[in-house]
Amino acid sequence: MPNQEPPAPASNPDENVRSRRSRWLTWGERILTGAILLFVAYRLGPQLGALTGVGPDLGRAPVYEFVALDGLDVRSADLVGRVVVLNFWATWCGPCKLEMPSLQSLHEDRGGDGVVVLGLATDVGGASAVEGFLAEREISYPVGRATTAHRQAFGGINAIPTTFLIDKRGVVRHRVVGYFAPPALRLAVRRLLAEEATDSTNAGTTAFR
């Protein structure tokens, strides 16, 4: 009799199911990993831009003013020639609480060098809760209440905290949504301080210390 090929082993339905499931899991993991990387890049991109100085110059020169809770009048026109760090925040915001000590430290360390740290609280309700919050944490930089006009002046605030770094000309150079890591903040401020203002003679005389 002629030699016959041995019959091919019958496919195992369970193995086929496991194989398909493995392929689907592999693709699912790839998609999830890609989504996570995109999210991380979206959140950390502005921080890296502030850290390295590489990133978009937003080009907006917002005009704003407010009366701080301690009675100080704050006007953008008076801040030409200084580097401004303006932070939108709220008392109920966890990341805001985490970054406020670094903002206070920056205010204390670099206020004499031409750095102005400002806060705009987005809390709804009376000022007493905000004042108590600031007093408890010994926050001494000027803080006012955010209004619709303030939000519009900065192109809309969709999440908090949101921090703007404004150069000596009054132009927004960086916007960071979420917790602003202190090393990135400090390096960005140092870099903006090293730049020359268009007209440093217009620097305001308002005391911020």
C-alpha atoms as a PDB file:
ATOM      1  CA  MET A   1       0.000   0.000   0.000  1.00  0.00           C
ATOM      2  CA  PRO A   2       1.262   3.487  -0.744  1.00  0.00           C
ATOM      3  CA  ASN A   3       2.445   5.523   2.189  1.00  0.00           C
ATOM      4  CA  GLN A   4      -0.242   7.858   3.497  1.00  0.00           C
ATOM      5  CA  GLU A   5       0.236  11.164   5.220  1.00  0.00           C
ATOM      6  CA  PRO A   6      -0.837  11.040   8.834  1.00  0.00           C
ATOM      7  CA  PRO A   7      -4.064  12.931   9.326  1.00  0.00           C
ATOM      8  CA  ALA A   8      -3.661  16.534  10.490  1.00  0.00           C
ATOM      9  CA  PRO A   9      -4.571  16.964  14.100  1.00  0.00           C
ATOM     10  CA  ALA A  10      -8.010  18.358  14.576  1.00  0.00           C
ATOM     11  CA  SER A  11      -8.051  21.983  15.627  1.00  0.00           C
ATOM     12  CA  ASN A  12      -8.908  22.603  19.202  1.00  0.00           C
ATOM     13  CA  PRO A  13     -11.749  25.133  19.521  1.00  0.00           C
ATOM     14  CA  ASP A  14     -10.525  26.164  22.952  1.00  0.00           C
ATOM     15  CA  GLU A  15      -7.051  26.944  21.618  1.00  0.00           C
ATOM     16  CA  ASN A  16      -8.522  29.028  18.798  1.00  0.00           C
ATOM     17  CA  VAL A  17     -10.559  31.027  21.271  1.00  0.00           C
ATOM     18  CA  ARG A  18      -7.524  31.560  23.494  1.00  0.00           C
ATOM     19  CA  SER A  19      -5.438  32.666  20.503  1.00  0.00           C
ATOM     20  CA  ARG A  20      -8.021  35.207  19.396  1.00  0.00           C
ATOM     21  CA  ARG A  21      -8.401  36.444  22.935  1.00  0.00           C
ATOM     22  CA  SER A  22      -4.629  36.837  23.262  1.00  0.00           C
ATOM     23  CA  ARG A  23      -4.487  38.895  20.064  1.00  0.00           C
ATOM     24  CA  TRP A  24      -7.316  41.130  21.256  1.00  0.00           C
ATOM     25  CA  LEU A  25      -5.624  41.614  24.630  1.00  0.00           C
ATOM     26  CA  THR A  26      -2.355  42.508  22.927  1.00  0.00           C
ATOM     27  CA  TRP A  27      -4.021  45.166  20.781  1.00  0.00           C
ATOM     28  CA  GLY A  28      -5.997  46.413  23.769  1.00  0.00           C
ATOM     29  CA  GLU A  29      -2.786  46.822  25.761  1.00  0.00           C
ATOM     30  CA  ARG A  30      -1.172  48.710  22.888  1.00  0.00           C
ATOM     31  CA  ILE A  31      -4.132  51.074  22.580  1.00  0.00           C
ATOM     32  CA  LEU A  32      -4.232  51.643  26.326  1.00  0.00           C
ATOM     33  CA  THR A  33      -0.492  52.289  26.444  1.00  0.00           C
ATOM     34  CA  GLY A  34      -0.770  54.772  23.591  1.00  0.00           C
ATOM     35  CA  ALA A  35      -3.638  56.576  25.304  1.00  0.00           C
ATOM     36  CA  ILE A  36      -1.660  56.807  28.541  1.00  0.00           C
ATOM     37  CA  LEU A  37       1.386  58.179  26.717  1.00  0.00           C
ATOM     38  CA  LEU A  38      -0.743  60.790  24.958  1.00  0.00           C
ATOM     39  CA  PHE A  39      -2.288  61.830  28.265  1.00  0.00           C
ATOM     40  CA  VAL A  40       1.114  62.092  29.933  1.00  0.00           C
ATOM     41  CA  ALA A  41       2.465  64.123  27.010  1.00  0.00           C
ATOM     42  CA  TYR A  42      -0.571  66.424  27.180  1.00  0.00           C
ATOM     43  CA  ARG A  43      -0.168  67.020  30.921  1.00  0.00           C
ATOM     44  CA  LEU A  44       3.623  67.153  31.100  1.00  0.00           C
ATOM     45  CA  GLY A  45       4.252  68.962  27.823  1.00  0.00           C
ATOM     46  CA  PRO A  46       3.675  72.459  29.270  1.00  0.00           C
ATOM     47  CA  GLN A  47       5.804  71.589  32.302  1.00  0.00           C
ATOM     48  CA  LEU A  48       8.660  70.462  30.072  1.00  0.00           C
ATOM     49  CA  GLY A  49       8.231  73.606  28.003  1.00  0.00           C
ATOM     50  CA  ALA A  50       8.526  75.753  31.109  1.00  0.00           C
ATOM     51  CA  LEU A  51      11.477  73.694  32.309  1.00  0.00           C
ATOM     52  CA  THR A  52      13.436  73.879  29.067  1.00  0.00           C
ATOM     53  CA  GLY A  53      12.154  77.122  27.609  1.00  0.00           C
ATOM     54  CA  VAL A  54      11.116  75.259  24.477  1.00  0.00           C
ATOM     55  CA  GLY A  55       7.477  75.666  23.657  1.00  0.00           C
ATOM     56  CA  PRO A  56       4.881  78.018  22.234  1.00  0.00           C
ATOM     57  CA  ASP A  57       4.933  81.680  23.099  1.00  0.00           C
ATOM     58  CA  LEU A  58       1.218  82.154  23.705  1.00  0.00           C
ATOM     59  CA  GLY A  59       1.528  85.796  22.699  1.00  0.00           C
ATOM     60  CA  ARG A  60      -1.421  87.004  24.777  1.00  0.00           C
ATOM     61  CA  ALA A  61      -0.899  90.188  26.800  1.00  0.00           C
ATOM     62  CA  PRO A  62      -3.885  90.122  29.157  1.00  0.00           C
ATOM     63  CA  VAL A  63      -5.158  93.293  30.772  1.00  0.00           C
ATOM     64  CA  TYR A  64      -6.487  92.662  34.267  1.00  0.00           C
ATOM     65  CA  GLU A  65      -6.904  94.243  37.649  1.00  0.00           C
ATOM     66  CA  PHE A  66      -8.321  93.291  41.010  1.00  0.00           C
ATOM     67  CA  VAL A  67      -8.363  94.281  44.649  1.00  0.00           C
ATOM     68  CA  ALA A  68      -6.601  91.640  46.716  1.00  0.00           C
ATOM     69  CA  LEU A  69      -8.216  90.373  49.892  1.00  0.00           C
ATOM     70  CA  ASP A  70      -5.708  92.414  51.902  1.00  0.00           C
ATOM     71  CA  GLY A  71      -6.813  95.607  50.097  1.00  0.00           C
ATOM     72  CA  LEU A  72      -3.892  95.906  47.667  1.00  0.00           C
ATOM     73  CA  ASP A  73      -4.791  97.209  44.193  1.00  0.00           C
ATOM     74  CA  VAL A  74      -3.272  94.986  41.499  1.00  0.00           C
ATOM     75  CA  ARG A  75      -3.133  96.190  37.882  1.00  0.00           C
ATOM     76  CA  SER A  76      -1.377  94.537  34.981  1.00  0.00           C
ATOM     77  CA  ALA A  77      -0.216  97.949  33.764  1.00  0.00           C
ATOM     78  CA  ASP A  78       1.781  98.369  36.986  1.00  0.00           C
ATOM     79  CA  LEU A  79       3.611  95.076  36.492  1.00  0.00           C
ATOM     80  CA  VAL A  80       5.479  95.839  33.276  1.00  0.00           C
ATOM     81  CA  GLY A  81       9.142  95.100  33.850  1.00  0.00           C
ATOM     82  CA  ARG A  82       8.417  92.278  36.288  1.00  0.00           C
ATOM     83  CA  VAL A  83       7.922  88.549  35.889  1.00  0.00           C
ATOM     84  CA  VAL A  84       4.427  87.573  37.009  1.00  0.00           C
ATOM     85  CA  VAL A  85       3.269  84.141  38.139  1.00  0.00           C
ATOM     86  CA  LEU A  86      -0.527  84.182  38.201  1.00  0.00           C
ATOM     87  CA  ASN A  87      -2.327  81.158  39.610  1.00  0.00           C
ATOM     88  CA  PHE A  88      -6.042  80.339  39.303  1.00  0.00           C
ATOM     89  CA  TRP A  89      -6.982  78.069  42.206  1.00  0.00           C
ATOM     90  CA  ALA A  90      -9.664  77.079  44.734  1.00  0.00           C
ATOM     91  CA  THR A  91      -9.724  76.099  48.403  1.00  0.00           C
ATOM     92  CA  TRP A  92     -11.253  72.687  47.611  1.00  0.00           C
ATOM     93  CA  CYS A  93      -8.639  71.801  44.966  1.00  0.00           C
ATOM     94  CA  GLY A  94      -6.096  69.187  46.117  1.00  0.00           C
ATOM     95  CA  PRO A  95      -3.320  70.021  43.614  1.00  0.00           C
ATOM     96  CA  CYS A  96      -3.772  73.716  44.455  1.00  0.00           C
ATOM     97  CA  LYS A  97      -3.022  72.997  48.104  1.00  0.00           C
ATOM     98  CA  LEU A  98       0.076  71.026  47.125  1.00  0.00           C
ATOM     99  CA  GLU A  99       1.590  73.767  44.985  1.00  0.00           C
ATOM    100  CA  MET A 100       0.798  76.777  47.182  1.00  0.00           C
ATOM    101  CA  PRO A 101       3.857  76.318  49.452  1.00  0.00           C
ATOM    102  CA  SER A 102       6.146  76.493  46.407  1.00  0.00           C
ATOM    103  CA  LEU A 103       4.371  79.642  45.213  1.00  0.00           C
ATOM    104  CA  GLN A 104       4.736  81.192  48.659  1.00  0.00           C
ATOM    105  CA  SER A 105       8.411  80.223  48.725  1.00  0.00           C
ATOM    106  CA  LEU A 106       8.929  81.796  45.306  1.00  0.00           C
ATOM    107  CA  HIS A 107       7.202  84.959  46.533  1.00  0.00           C
ATOM    108  CA  GLU A 108       9.491  85.147  49.549  1.00  0.00           C
ATOM    109  CA  ASP A 109      12.723  84.253  47.748  1.00  0.00           C
ATOM    110  CA  ARG A 110      12.406  86.181  44.493  1.00  0.00           C
ATOM    111  CA  GLY A 111      10.016  89.037  45.267  1.00  0.00           C
ATOM    112  CA  GLY A 112      12.948  91.375  45.671  1.00  0.00           C
ATOM    113  CA  ASP A 113      14.319  90.314  42.278  1.00  0.00           C
ATOM    114  CA  GLY A 114      11.284  91.425  40.311  1.00  0.00           C
ATOM    115  CA  VAL A 115       9.008  88.387  40.606  1.00  0.00           C
ATOM    116  CA  VAL A 116       5.341  88.915  41.474  1.00  0.00           C
ATOM    117  CA  VAL A 117       3.232  85.938  42.539  1.00  0.00           C
ATOM    118  CA  LEU A 118      -0.531  86.445  42.321  1.00  0.00           C
ATOM    119  CA  GLY A 119      -3.516  84.237  43.034  1.00  0.00           C
ATOM    120  CA  LEU A 120      -7.100  84.385  41.800  1.00  0.00           C
ATOM    121  CA  ALA A 121      -9.469  82.205  43.810  1.00  0.00           C
ATOM    122  CA  THR A 122     -12.328  80.654  41.866  1.00  0.00           C
ATOM    123  CA  ASP A 123     -14.375  79.744  44.971  1.00  0.00           C
ATOM    124  CA  VAL A 124     -18.053  80.598  44.908  1.00  0.00           C
ATOM    125  CA  GLY A 125     -19.378  82.338  48.004  1.00  0.00           C
ATOM    126  CA  GLY A 126     -18.033  84.818  50.483  1.00  0.00           C
ATOM    127  CA  ALA A 127     -14.418  85.809  50.938  1.00  0.00           C
ATOM    128  CA  SER A 128     -14.191  84.591  54.539  1.00  0.00           C
ATOM    129  CA  ALA A 129     -13.493  80.960  53.589  1.00  0.00           C
ATOM    130  CA  VAL A 130     -10.683  82.024  51.250  1.00  0.00           C
ATOM    131  CA  GLU A 131      -9.216  84.386  53.838  1.00  0.00           C
ATOM    132  CA  GLY A 132      -9.258  81.666  56.493  1.00  0.00           C
ATOM    133  CA  PHE A 133      -7.623  79.228  54.106  1.00  0.00           C
ATOM    134  CA  LEU A 134      -4.812  81.661  53.323  1.00  0.00           C
ATOM    135  CA  ALA A 135      -4.269  82.614  56.954  1.00  0.00           C
ATOM    136  CA  GLU A 136      -4.071  78.968  58.021  1.00  0.00           C
ATOM    137  CA  ARG A 137      -1.345  78.315  55.438  1.00  0.00           C
ATOM    138  CA  GLU A 138       0.424  81.660  55.958  1.00  0.00           C
ATOM    139  CA  ILE A 139       0.047  82.680  52.320  1.00  0.00           C
ATOM    140  CA  SER A 140       1.120  86.305  51.982  1.00  0.00           C
ATOM    141  CA  TYR A 141       1.238  86.940  48.237  1.00  0.00           C
ATOM    142  CA  PRO A 142      -1.715  88.959  46.844  1.00  0.00           C
ATOM    143  CA  VAL A 143      -4.859  86.911  46.235  1.00  0.00           C
ATOM    144  CA  GLY A 144      -8.093  88.175  44.723  1.00  0.00           C
ATOM    145  CA  ARG A 145     -11.376  86.685  43.580  1.00  0.00           C
ATOM    146  CA  ALA A 146     -11.528  85.427  39.997  1.00  0.00           C
ATOM    147  CA  THR A 147     -14.251  86.932  37.825  1.00  0.00           C
ATOM    148  CA  THR A 148     -15.586  86.129  34.384  1.00  0.00           C
ATOM    149  CA  ALA A 149     -13.543  89.041  33.033  1.00  0.00           C
ATOM    150  CA  HIS A 150     -10.361  87.532  34.473  1.00  0.00           C
ATOM    151  CA  ARG A 151     -11.103  84.170  32.900  1.00  0.00           C
ATOM    152  CA  GLN A 152     -11.781  85.769  29.530  1.00  0.00           C
ATOM    153  CA  ALA A 153      -8.642  87.895  29.696  1.00  0.00           C
ATOM    154  CA  PHE A 154      -6.579  84.699  29.946  1.00  0.00           C
ATOM    155  CA  GLY A 155      -8.427  82.848  27.203  1.00  0.00           C
ATOM    156  CA  GLY A 156     -10.712  80.818  29.461  1.00  0.00           C
ATOM    157  CA  ILE A 157      -9.944  78.648  32.479  1.00  0.00           C
ATOM    158  CA  ASN A 158     -11.132  75.092  31.951  1.00  0.00           C
ATOM    159  CA  ALA A 159      -9.424  73.437  34.929  1.00  0.00           C
ATOM    160  CA  ILE A 160      -7.658  74.390  38.110  1.00  0.00           C
ATOM    161  CA  PRO A 161      -5.030  74.940  39.107  1.00  0.00           C
ATOM    162  CA  THR A 162      -3.966  76.817  36.007  1.00  0.00           C
ATOM    163  CA  THR A 163      -0.818  78.908  36.227  1.00  0.00           C
ATOM    164  CA  PHE A 164       0.375  81.566  33.806  1.00  0.00           C
ATOM    165  CA  LEU A 165       3.952  82.817  33.528  1.00  0.00           C
ATOM    166  CA  ILE A 166       4.026  86.351  32.192  1.00  0.00           C
ATOM    167  CA  ASP A 167       7.209  88.019  31.030  1.00  0.00           C
ATOM    168  CA  LYS A 168       8.428  91.559  31.664  1.00  0.00           C
ATOM    169  CA  ARG A 169       6.526  92.856  28.638  1.00  0.00           C
ATOM    170  CA  GLY A 170       3.247  91.506  30.023  1.00  0.00           C
ATOM    171  CA  VAL A 171       3.086  88.630  27.529  1.00  0.00           C
ATOM    172  CA  VAL A 172       1.998  85.138  28.584  1.00  0.00           C
ATOM    173  CA  ARG A 173       4.866  82.775  27.894  1.00  0.00           C
ATOM    174  CA  HIS A 174       3.723  79.572  29.582  1.00  0.00           C
ATOM    175  CA  ARG A 175       0.430  78.109  30.748  1.00  0.00           C
ATOM    176  CA  VAL A 176       0.488  75.032  32.968  1.00  0.00           C
ATOM    177  CA  VAL A 177      -2.734  73.215  33.812  1.00  0.00           C
ATOM    178  CA  GLY A 178      -2.500  71.122  36.961  1.00  0.00           C
ATOM    179  CA  TYR A 179       0.214  70.913  39.583  1.00  0.00           C
ATOM    180  CA  PHE A 180       3.244  73.001  38.602  1.00  0.00           C
ATOM    181  CA  ALA A 181       6.392  71.154  39.671  1.00  0.00           C
ATOM    182  CA  PRO A 182       8.645  73.545  41.647  1.00  0.00           C
ATOM    183  CA  PRO A 183      11.846  72.818  39.639  1.00  0.00           C
ATOM    184  CA  ALA A 184      10.107  73.667  36.359  1.00  0.00           C
ATOM    185  CA  LEU A 185       8.543  76.767  37.893  1.00  0.00           C
ATOM    186  CA  ARG A 186      11.817  78.031  39.313  1.00  0.00           C
ATOM    187  CA  LEU A 187      13.801  77.492  36.126  1.00  0.00           C
ATOM    188  CA  ALA A 188      11.147  79.148  33.981  1.00  0.00           C
ATOM    189  CA  VAL A 189      11.042  82.175  36.276  1.00  0.00           C
ATOM    190  CA  ARG A 190      14.837  82.408  36.301  1.00  0.00           C
ATOM    191  CA  ARG A 191      14.887  82.345  32.509  1.00  0.00           C
ATOM    192  CA  LEU A 192      12.276  85.105  32.219  1.00  0.00           C
ATOM    193  CA  LEU A 193      14.115  87.225  34.770  1.00  0.00           C
ATOM    194  CA  ALA A 194      17.232  87.048  32.616  1.00  0.00           C
ATOM    195  CA  GLU A 195      15.391  88.544  29.650  1.00  0.00           C
ATOM    196  CA  GLU A 196      15.325  92.250  29.036  1.00  0.00           C
ATOM    197  CA  ALA A 197      12.020  94.087  29.228  1.00  0.00           C
ATOM    198  CA  THR A 198      11.041  96.206  26.212  1.00  0.00           C
ATOM    199  CA  ASP A 199      10.890  99.243  28.448  1.00  0.00           C
ATOM    200  CA  SER A 200      12.018  98.531  31.990  1.00  0.00           C
ATOM    201  CA  THR A 201      11.492 102.177  32.946  1.00  0.00           C
ATOM    202  CA  ASN A 202       7.731 101.512  32.951  1.00  0.00           C
ATOM    203  CA  ALA A 203       7.976  99.029  35.806  1.00  0.00           C
ATOM    204  CA  GLY A 204       5.326  99.696  38.430  1.00  0.00           C
ATOM    205  CA  THR A 205       6.106 100.781  41.947  1.00  0.00           C
ATOM    206  CA  THR A 206       3.376  98.831  43.739  1.00  0.00           C
ATOM    207  CA  ALA A 207       4.770  96.957  46.742  1.00  0.00           C
ATOM    208  CA  PHE A 208       4.153  93.202  46.605  1.00  0.00           C
ATOM    209  CA  ARG A 209       6.051  92.159  49.695  1.00  0.00           C
END
